């Protein structure tokens, strides 16, 4: 169930949030709102809806974690004089860090599949966020 201020949404109480108002709460970004609903909502636990909650989740996951990784990966290529990439090892072997990140990505793919099959989108998205945090550490 969705709650507002810890109280279950109810038409009789009058604390139901209209979908159009919810999009407005997410600064008109329906995708950000969808992400919040999938990430915070669940089939087994109650989730609290609030403007602050939307901003917190979107900023923490999408802007900070995902945006930071995107910036780390893409921004060097956007520079007027992109830095030279380090040469790969002559033997073509991955470093320990490379292998660790690859293992995280592969495990995440399996975990996300299991979580979606179980209808647990919040846990599936948390697994993706954990993988993105590992990517940020790798590229730091």
N, C-alpha and C. Protein backbone atom coordinates (compact mmCIF):
# COMPACT_ATOMS: atom_id res chain seq x y z
N UNK A 1 0.83 -1.19 0.00
CA UNK A 1 0.00 0.00 0.00
C UNK A 1 0.87 1.25 0.00
N UNK A 2 0.37 2.27 -0.62
CA UNK A 2 1.02 3.58 -0.57
C UNK A 2 0.45 4.37 0.60
N UNK A 3 1.31 5.06 1.27
CA UNK A 3 0.90 5.91 2.38
C UNK A 3 1.33 7.34 2.10
N UNK A 4 0.72 8.27 2.80
CA UNK A 4 1.12 9.68 2.79
C UNK A 4 1.29 10.06 4.25
N UNK A 5 2.51 10.43 4.60
CA UNK A 5 2.77 10.75 6.00
C UNK A 5 2.53 9.58 6.93
N UNK A 6 2.74 8.36 6.42
CA UNK A 6 2.56 7.17 7.23
C UNK A 6 1.13 6.67 7.32
N UNK A 7 0.17 7.36 6.67
CA UNK A 7 -1.24 6.97 6.70
C UNK A 7 -1.62 6.42 5.32
N UNK A 8 -2.24 5.24 5.31
CA UNK A 8 -2.64 4.61 4.06
C UNK A 8 -3.50 5.56 3.24
N UNK A 9 -3.19 5.65 1.93
CA UNK A 9 -4.00 6.51 1.05
C UNK A 9 -5.43 6.00 1.04
N UNK A 10 -6.35 6.94 1.12
CA UNK A 10 -7.76 6.58 1.16
C UNK A 10 -8.59 7.75 0.65
N UNK A 11 -9.52 7.44 -0.24
CA UNK A 11 -10.42 8.50 -0.73
C UNK A 11 -11.26 9.06 0.41
N UNK A 12 -11.66 8.21 1.32
CA UNK A 12 -12.50 8.70 2.41
C UNK A 12 -11.73 9.63 3.35
N UNK A 13 -10.45 9.40 3.53
CA UNK A 13 -9.63 10.30 4.34
C UNK A 13 -9.28 11.56 3.54
N UNK A 14 -9.19 11.39 2.23
CA UNK A 14 -8.87 12.52 1.37
C UNK A 14 -7.38 12.74 1.16
N UNK A 15 -6.57 11.70 1.37
CA UNK A 15 -5.13 11.86 1.19
C UNK A 15 -4.59 11.16 -0.06
N UNK A 16 -5.48 10.85 -1.00
CA UNK A 16 -5.06 10.24 -2.26
C UNK A 16 -4.41 11.31 -3.13
N UNK A 17 -3.32 10.93 -3.77
CA UNK A 17 -2.61 11.85 -4.65
C UNK A 17 -2.99 11.52 -6.09
N UNK A 18 -3.45 12.52 -6.83
CA UNK A 18 -3.86 12.33 -8.23
C UNK A 18 -2.62 12.15 -9.11
N UNK A 19 -2.70 11.27 -10.12
CA UNK A 19 -1.53 11.05 -10.99
C UNK A 19 -0.97 12.33 -11.61
N UNK A 20 -1.84 13.24 -12.08
CA UNK A 20 -1.33 14.49 -12.68
C UNK A 20 -0.57 15.31 -11.65
N UNK A 21 -1.07 15.33 -10.42
CA UNK A 21 -0.38 16.06 -9.36
C UNK A 21 0.95 15.38 -9.03
N UNK A 22 0.98 14.06 -9.15
CA UNK A 22 2.22 13.34 -8.88
C UNK A 22 3.28 13.70 -9.91
N UNK A 23 2.90 13.82 -11.17
CA UNK A 23 3.87 14.22 -12.21
C UNK A 23 4.35 15.63 -11.95
N UNK A 24 3.46 16.51 -11.54
CA UNK A 24 3.86 17.88 -11.21
C UNK A 24 4.83 17.87 -10.04
N UNK A 25 4.61 16.99 -9.07
CA UNK A 25 5.50 16.87 -7.92
C UNK A 25 6.91 16.47 -8.38
N UNK A 26 6.98 15.69 -9.43
CA UNK A 26 8.27 15.25 -9.97
C UNK A 26 8.78 16.25 -11.01
N UNK A 27 8.40 17.51 -10.88
CA UNK A 27 8.82 18.57 -11.80
C UNK A 27 8.47 18.27 -13.25
N UNK A 28 7.32 17.64 -13.44
CA UNK A 28 6.85 17.34 -14.79
C UNK A 28 7.55 16.17 -15.44
N UNK A 29 8.40 15.47 -14.70
CA UNK A 29 9.18 14.37 -15.25
C UNK A 29 8.49 13.04 -14.92
N UNK A 30 7.70 12.57 -15.86
CA UNK A 30 6.95 11.33 -15.64
C UNK A 30 7.90 10.14 -15.47
N UNK A 31 9.04 10.14 -16.16
CA UNK A 31 9.98 9.04 -16.01
C UNK A 31 10.58 9.00 -14.60
N UNK A 32 10.88 10.17 -14.05
CA UNK A 32 11.39 10.22 -12.67
C UNK A 32 10.34 9.69 -11.70
N UNK A 33 9.10 10.05 -11.94
CA UNK A 33 8.02 9.56 -11.08
C UNK A 33 7.87 8.05 -11.21
N UNK A 34 7.92 7.54 -12.43
CA UNK A 34 7.83 6.09 -12.63
C UNK A 34 8.96 5.38 -11.88
N UNK A 35 10.17 5.93 -12.00
CA UNK A 35 11.30 5.34 -11.29
C UNK A 35 11.03 5.31 -9.79
N UNK A 36 10.60 6.42 -9.24
CA UNK A 36 10.30 6.50 -7.81
C UNK A 36 9.28 5.44 -7.41
N UNK A 37 8.21 5.33 -8.16
CA UNK A 37 7.15 4.38 -7.82
C UNK A 37 7.65 2.94 -7.86
N UNK A 38 8.46 2.61 -8.88
CA UNK A 38 9.00 1.26 -8.98
C UNK A 38 10.04 0.99 -7.90
N UNK A 39 10.85 1.99 -7.59
CA UNK A 39 11.95 1.82 -6.64
C UNK A 39 11.46 1.81 -5.19
N UNK A 40 10.47 2.61 -4.88
CA UNK A 40 9.98 2.70 -3.50
C UNK A 40 8.83 1.75 -3.22
N UNK A 41 8.03 1.48 -4.24
CA UNK A 41 6.86 0.63 -4.05
C UNK A 41 7.23 -0.83 -3.99
N UNK A 42 6.31 -1.62 -3.54
CA UNK A 42 6.56 -3.05 -3.46
C UNK A 42 5.26 -3.80 -3.30
N UNK A 43 5.34 -5.09 -3.46
CA UNK A 43 4.16 -5.93 -3.32
C UNK A 43 3.92 -6.36 -1.89
N UNK A 44 4.96 -6.30 -1.05
CA UNK A 44 4.83 -6.82 0.30
C UNK A 44 4.91 -5.76 1.39
N UNK A 45 5.48 -4.61 1.09
CA UNK A 45 5.66 -3.57 2.11
C UNK A 45 4.94 -2.29 1.72
N UNK A 46 4.58 -1.51 2.72
CA UNK A 46 4.01 -0.20 2.46
C UNK A 46 5.12 0.75 2.02
N UNK A 47 4.77 1.75 1.24
CA UNK A 47 5.73 2.76 0.79
C UNK A 47 5.10 4.13 0.98
N UNK A 48 5.89 5.08 1.40
CA UNK A 48 5.38 6.41 1.68
C UNK A 48 5.62 7.33 0.49
N UNK A 49 4.58 8.02 0.08
CA UNK A 49 4.67 8.96 -1.03
C UNK A 49 4.84 10.37 -0.47
N UNK A 50 5.86 11.08 -0.97
CA UNK A 50 6.03 12.48 -0.59
C UNK A 50 6.87 13.18 -1.66
N UNK A 51 6.68 14.47 -1.77
CA UNK A 51 7.48 15.26 -2.70
C UNK A 51 8.96 15.12 -2.35
N UNK A 52 9.24 15.20 -1.07
CA UNK A 52 10.64 15.08 -0.62
C UNK A 52 11.21 13.71 -0.97
N UNK A 53 10.39 12.67 -0.83
CA UNK A 53 10.83 11.32 -1.16
C UNK A 53 11.17 11.17 -2.63
N UNK A 54 10.35 11.76 -3.50
CA UNK A 54 10.64 11.71 -4.93
C UNK A 54 11.97 12.40 -5.21
N UNK A 55 12.13 13.61 -4.70
CA UNK A 55 13.37 14.36 -4.95
C UNK A 55 14.58 13.61 -4.39
N UNK A 56 14.45 13.07 -3.20
CA UNK A 56 15.57 12.35 -2.59
C UNK A 56 15.97 11.14 -3.42
N UNK A 57 15.00 10.34 -3.81
CA UNK A 57 15.30 9.11 -4.56
C UNK A 57 15.86 9.43 -5.94
N UNK A 58 15.24 10.37 -6.64
CA UNK A 58 15.69 10.72 -7.98
C UNK A 58 17.09 11.31 -7.92
N UNK A 59 17.33 12.21 -6.97
CA UNK A 59 18.66 12.81 -6.85
C UNK A 59 19.72 11.79 -6.47
N UNK A 60 19.42 10.94 -5.50
CA UNK A 60 20.41 9.97 -5.03
C UNK A 60 20.73 8.92 -6.09
N UNK A 61 19.70 8.35 -6.70
CA UNK A 61 19.93 7.26 -7.64
C UNK A 61 20.24 7.73 -9.04
N UNK A 62 19.36 8.55 -9.59
CA UNK A 62 19.50 8.91 -11.00
C UNK A 62 20.53 10.01 -11.23
N UNK A 63 20.44 11.09 -10.47
CA UNK A 63 21.38 12.20 -10.69
C UNK A 63 22.77 11.86 -10.16
N UNK A 64 22.84 11.41 -8.91
CA UNK A 64 24.15 11.18 -8.32
C UNK A 64 24.80 9.89 -8.82
N UNK A 65 24.18 8.76 -8.60
CA UNK A 65 24.81 7.48 -8.93
C UNK A 65 24.91 7.27 -10.44
N UNK A 66 23.78 7.30 -11.13
CA UNK A 66 23.80 7.06 -12.57
C UNK A 66 24.47 8.21 -13.32
N UNK A 67 24.11 9.44 -12.96
CA UNK A 67 24.69 10.61 -13.63
C UNK A 67 26.18 10.69 -13.45
N UNK A 68 26.66 10.38 -12.24
CA UNK A 68 28.10 10.41 -11.98
C UNK A 68 28.82 9.38 -12.85
N UNK A 69 28.30 8.18 -12.93
CA UNK A 69 28.94 7.16 -13.75
C UNK A 69 28.94 7.56 -15.22
N UNK A 70 27.82 8.07 -15.69
CA UNK A 70 27.74 8.52 -17.08
C UNK A 70 28.78 9.61 -17.36
N UNK A 71 28.92 10.53 -16.43
CA UNK A 71 29.89 11.60 -16.58
C UNK A 71 31.32 11.05 -16.59
N UNK A 72 31.62 10.12 -15.70
CA UNK A 72 32.97 9.55 -15.63
C UNK A 72 33.33 8.79 -16.91
N UNK A 73 32.35 8.12 -17.47
CA UNK A 73 32.62 7.32 -18.66
C UNK A 73 32.66 8.17 -19.93
N UNK A 74 31.77 9.14 -20.04
CA UNK A 74 31.62 9.88 -21.29
C UNK A 74 32.39 11.19 -21.34
N UNK A 75 32.57 11.88 -20.24
CA UNK A 75 33.14 13.23 -20.31
C UNK A 75 34.55 13.29 -20.88
N UNK A 76 35.44 12.33 -20.61
CA UNK A 76 36.77 12.45 -21.23
C UNK A 76 36.71 12.49 -22.76
N UNK A 77 35.78 11.76 -23.35
CA UNK A 77 35.67 11.74 -24.81
C UNK A 77 35.13 13.06 -25.36
N UNK A 78 34.48 13.86 -24.51
CA UNK A 78 33.89 15.12 -24.94
C UNK A 78 34.88 16.29 -24.87
N UNK A 79 36.03 16.06 -24.26
CA UNK A 79 37.01 17.13 -24.12
C UNK A 79 37.62 17.48 -25.47
N UNK A 80 38.05 18.75 -25.66
CA UNK A 80 38.67 19.12 -26.94
C UNK A 80 39.89 18.25 -27.26
N UNK A 81 40.66 17.90 -26.25
CA UNK A 81 41.81 17.00 -26.43
C UNK A 81 41.64 15.83 -25.47
N UNK A 82 40.91 14.82 -25.89
CA UNK A 82 40.64 13.71 -24.98
C UNK A 82 41.94 13.07 -24.50
N UNK A 83 41.96 12.65 -23.24
CA UNK A 83 43.18 11.99 -22.75
C UNK A 83 43.37 10.65 -23.44
N UNK A 84 44.61 10.25 -23.57
CA UNK A 84 44.91 8.97 -24.19
C UNK A 84 44.50 7.85 -23.24
N UNK A 85 43.91 6.84 -23.78
CA UNK A 85 43.52 5.69 -22.97
C UNK A 85 44.76 4.87 -22.67
N UNK A 86 44.82 4.29 -21.48
CA UNK A 86 45.97 3.44 -21.19
C UNK A 86 45.97 2.22 -22.10
N UNK A 87 47.15 1.80 -22.47
CA UNK A 87 47.27 0.62 -23.34
C UNK A 87 46.82 -0.61 -22.56
N UNK A 88 46.10 -1.51 -23.22
CA UNK A 88 45.71 -2.74 -22.53
C UNK A 88 46.95 -3.59 -22.25
N UNK A 89 46.88 -4.47 -21.28
CA UNK A 89 48.02 -5.35 -21.02
C UNK A 89 48.39 -6.13 -22.28
N UNK A 90 49.67 -6.33 -22.48
CA UNK A 90 50.13 -7.03 -23.69
C UNK A 90 49.54 -8.43 -23.80
N UNK A 91 49.35 -9.08 -22.70
CA UNK A 91 48.81 -10.43 -22.76
C UNK A 91 47.28 -10.44 -22.88
N UNK A 92 46.67 -9.25 -22.86
CA UNK A 92 45.23 -9.14 -23.01
C UNK A 92 44.44 -9.54 -21.78
N UNK A 93 45.15 -9.87 -20.71
CA UNK A 93 44.48 -10.30 -19.48
C UNK A 93 43.84 -9.12 -18.78
N UNK A 94 42.70 -9.36 -18.18
CA UNK A 94 42.03 -8.32 -17.41
C UNK A 94 42.74 -8.15 -16.07
N UNK A 95 42.72 -6.95 -15.56
CA UNK A 95 43.26 -6.72 -14.22
C UNK A 95 42.29 -7.30 -13.20
N UNK A 96 42.71 -7.38 -11.97
CA UNK A 96 41.82 -7.86 -10.91
C UNK A 96 40.59 -6.97 -10.80
N UNK A 97 40.79 -5.63 -10.93
CA UNK A 97 39.66 -4.70 -10.87
C UNK A 97 38.71 -4.92 -12.04
N UNK A 98 39.26 -5.16 -13.24
CA UNK A 98 38.42 -5.43 -14.41
C UNK A 98 37.57 -6.68 -14.19
N UNK A 99 38.22 -7.73 -13.71
CA UNK A 99 37.52 -9.00 -13.49
C UNK A 99 36.45 -8.85 -12.41
N UNK A 100 36.76 -8.08 -11.36
CA UNK A 100 35.79 -7.88 -10.29
C UNK A 100 34.56 -7.14 -10.79
N UNK A 101 34.77 -6.09 -11.60
CA UNK A 101 33.63 -5.35 -12.13
C UNK A 101 32.80 -6.22 -13.08
N UNK A 102 33.49 -6.99 -13.89
CA UNK A 102 32.76 -7.88 -14.80
C UNK A 102 31.91 -8.88 -14.01
N UNK A 103 32.45 -9.41 -12.92
CA UNK A 103 31.70 -10.36 -12.10
C UNK A 103 30.48 -9.69 -11.48
N UNK A 104 30.63 -8.44 -11.05
CA UNK A 104 29.50 -7.70 -10.49
C UNK A 104 28.41 -7.52 -11.53
N UNK A 105 28.80 -7.14 -12.75
CA UNK A 105 27.83 -6.92 -13.82
C UNK A 105 27.10 -8.23 -14.14
N UNK A 106 27.83 -9.32 -14.26
CA UNK A 106 27.20 -10.61 -14.57
C UNK A 106 26.26 -11.06 -13.45
N UNK A 107 26.70 -10.90 -12.20
CA UNK A 107 25.85 -11.29 -11.06
C UNK A 107 24.61 -10.41 -11.00
N UNK A 108 24.77 -9.13 -11.32
CA UNK A 108 23.63 -8.22 -11.29
C UNK A 108 22.58 -8.61 -12.33
N UNK A 109 23.03 -9.01 -13.51
CA UNK A 109 22.09 -9.44 -14.55
C UNK A 109 21.25 -10.61 -14.04
N UNK A 110 21.88 -11.55 -13.39
CA UNK A 110 21.15 -12.70 -12.84
C UNK A 110 20.20 -12.28 -11.73
N UNK A 111 20.69 -11.44 -10.83
CA UNK A 111 19.87 -10.97 -9.70
C UNK A 111 18.65 -10.20 -10.18
N UNK A 112 18.84 -9.31 -11.14
CA UNK A 112 17.73 -8.51 -11.66
C UNK A 112 16.68 -9.43 -12.29
N UNK A 113 17.12 -10.41 -13.04
CA UNK A 113 16.18 -11.37 -13.64
C UNK A 113 15.36 -12.09 -12.58
N UNK A 114 16.02 -12.55 -11.53
CA UNK A 114 15.30 -13.25 -10.44
C UNK A 114 14.31 -12.31 -9.75
N UNK A 115 14.74 -11.09 -9.49
CA UNK A 115 13.87 -10.14 -8.78
C UNK A 115 12.65 -9.76 -9.62
N UNK A 116 12.85 -9.53 -10.93
CA UNK A 116 11.71 -9.20 -11.78
C UNK A 116 10.75 -10.37 -11.88
N UNK A 117 11.29 -11.58 -11.99
CA UNK A 117 10.42 -12.76 -12.03
C UNK A 117 9.56 -12.86 -10.78
N UNK A 118 10.13 -12.43 -9.65
CA UNK A 118 9.40 -12.46 -8.38
C UNK A 118 8.51 -11.23 -8.19
N UNK A 119 8.56 -10.29 -9.14
CA UNK A 119 7.74 -9.08 -9.03
C UNK A 119 8.30 -8.06 -8.07
N UNK A 120 9.58 -8.19 -7.72
CA UNK A 120 10.21 -7.29 -6.75
C UNK A 120 11.06 -6.24 -7.49
N UNK A 121 10.37 -5.27 -8.09
CA UNK A 121 11.10 -4.26 -8.86
C UNK A 121 12.00 -3.41 -7.99
N UNK A 122 11.61 -3.15 -6.76
CA UNK A 122 12.44 -2.33 -5.88
C UNK A 122 13.79 -3.00 -5.65
N UNK A 123 13.80 -4.30 -5.38
CA UNK A 123 15.06 -5.02 -5.16
C UNK A 123 15.85 -5.12 -6.46
N UNK A 124 15.17 -5.30 -7.58
CA UNK A 124 15.87 -5.34 -8.87
C UNK A 124 16.57 -4.01 -9.13
N UNK A 125 15.88 -2.91 -8.88
CA UNK A 125 16.49 -1.60 -9.10
C UNK A 125 17.60 -1.33 -8.10
N UNK A 126 17.49 -1.80 -6.87
CA UNK A 126 18.57 -1.65 -5.90
C UNK A 126 19.81 -2.41 -6.36
N UNK A 127 19.62 -3.59 -6.96
CA UNK A 127 20.75 -4.35 -7.49
C UNK A 127 21.44 -3.57 -8.61
N UNK A 128 20.66 -2.93 -9.46
CA UNK A 128 21.24 -2.11 -10.53
C UNK A 128 22.00 -0.93 -9.93
N UNK A 129 21.43 -0.29 -8.92
CA UNK A 129 22.12 0.85 -8.28
C UNK A 129 23.42 0.40 -7.62
N UNK A 130 23.43 -0.77 -7.00
CA UNK A 130 24.66 -1.29 -6.39
C UNK A 130 25.72 -1.52 -7.47
N UNK A 131 25.30 -2.04 -8.62
CA UNK A 131 26.24 -2.24 -9.72
C UNK A 131 26.79 -0.90 -10.22
N UNK A 132 25.92 0.10 -10.33
CA UNK A 132 26.37 1.42 -10.79
C UNK A 132 27.34 2.04 -9.79
N UNK A 133 27.11 1.82 -8.48
CA UNK A 133 28.05 2.31 -7.47
C UNK A 133 29.41 1.64 -7.64
N UNK A 134 29.41 0.35 -7.96
CA UNK A 134 30.69 -0.36 -8.22
C UNK A 134 31.37 0.22 -9.46
N UNK A 135 30.58 0.55 -10.47
CA UNK A 135 31.14 1.19 -11.67
C UNK A 135 31.77 2.53 -11.33
N UNK A 136 31.13 3.30 -10.47
CA UNK A 136 31.70 4.58 -10.04
C UNK A 136 33.02 4.38 -9.32
N UNK A 137 33.11 3.35 -8.47
CA UNK A 137 34.37 3.06 -7.78
C UNK A 137 35.46 2.67 -8.79
N UNK A 138 35.07 1.87 -9.76
CA UNK A 138 36.02 1.40 -10.77
C UNK A 138 36.60 2.56 -11.56
N UNK A 139 35.75 3.51 -11.95
CA UNK A 139 36.21 4.62 -12.79
C UNK A 139 36.71 5.82 -11.99
N UNK A 140 36.68 5.74 -10.66
CA UNK A 140 37.13 6.88 -9.83
C UNK A 140 38.62 7.13 -9.99
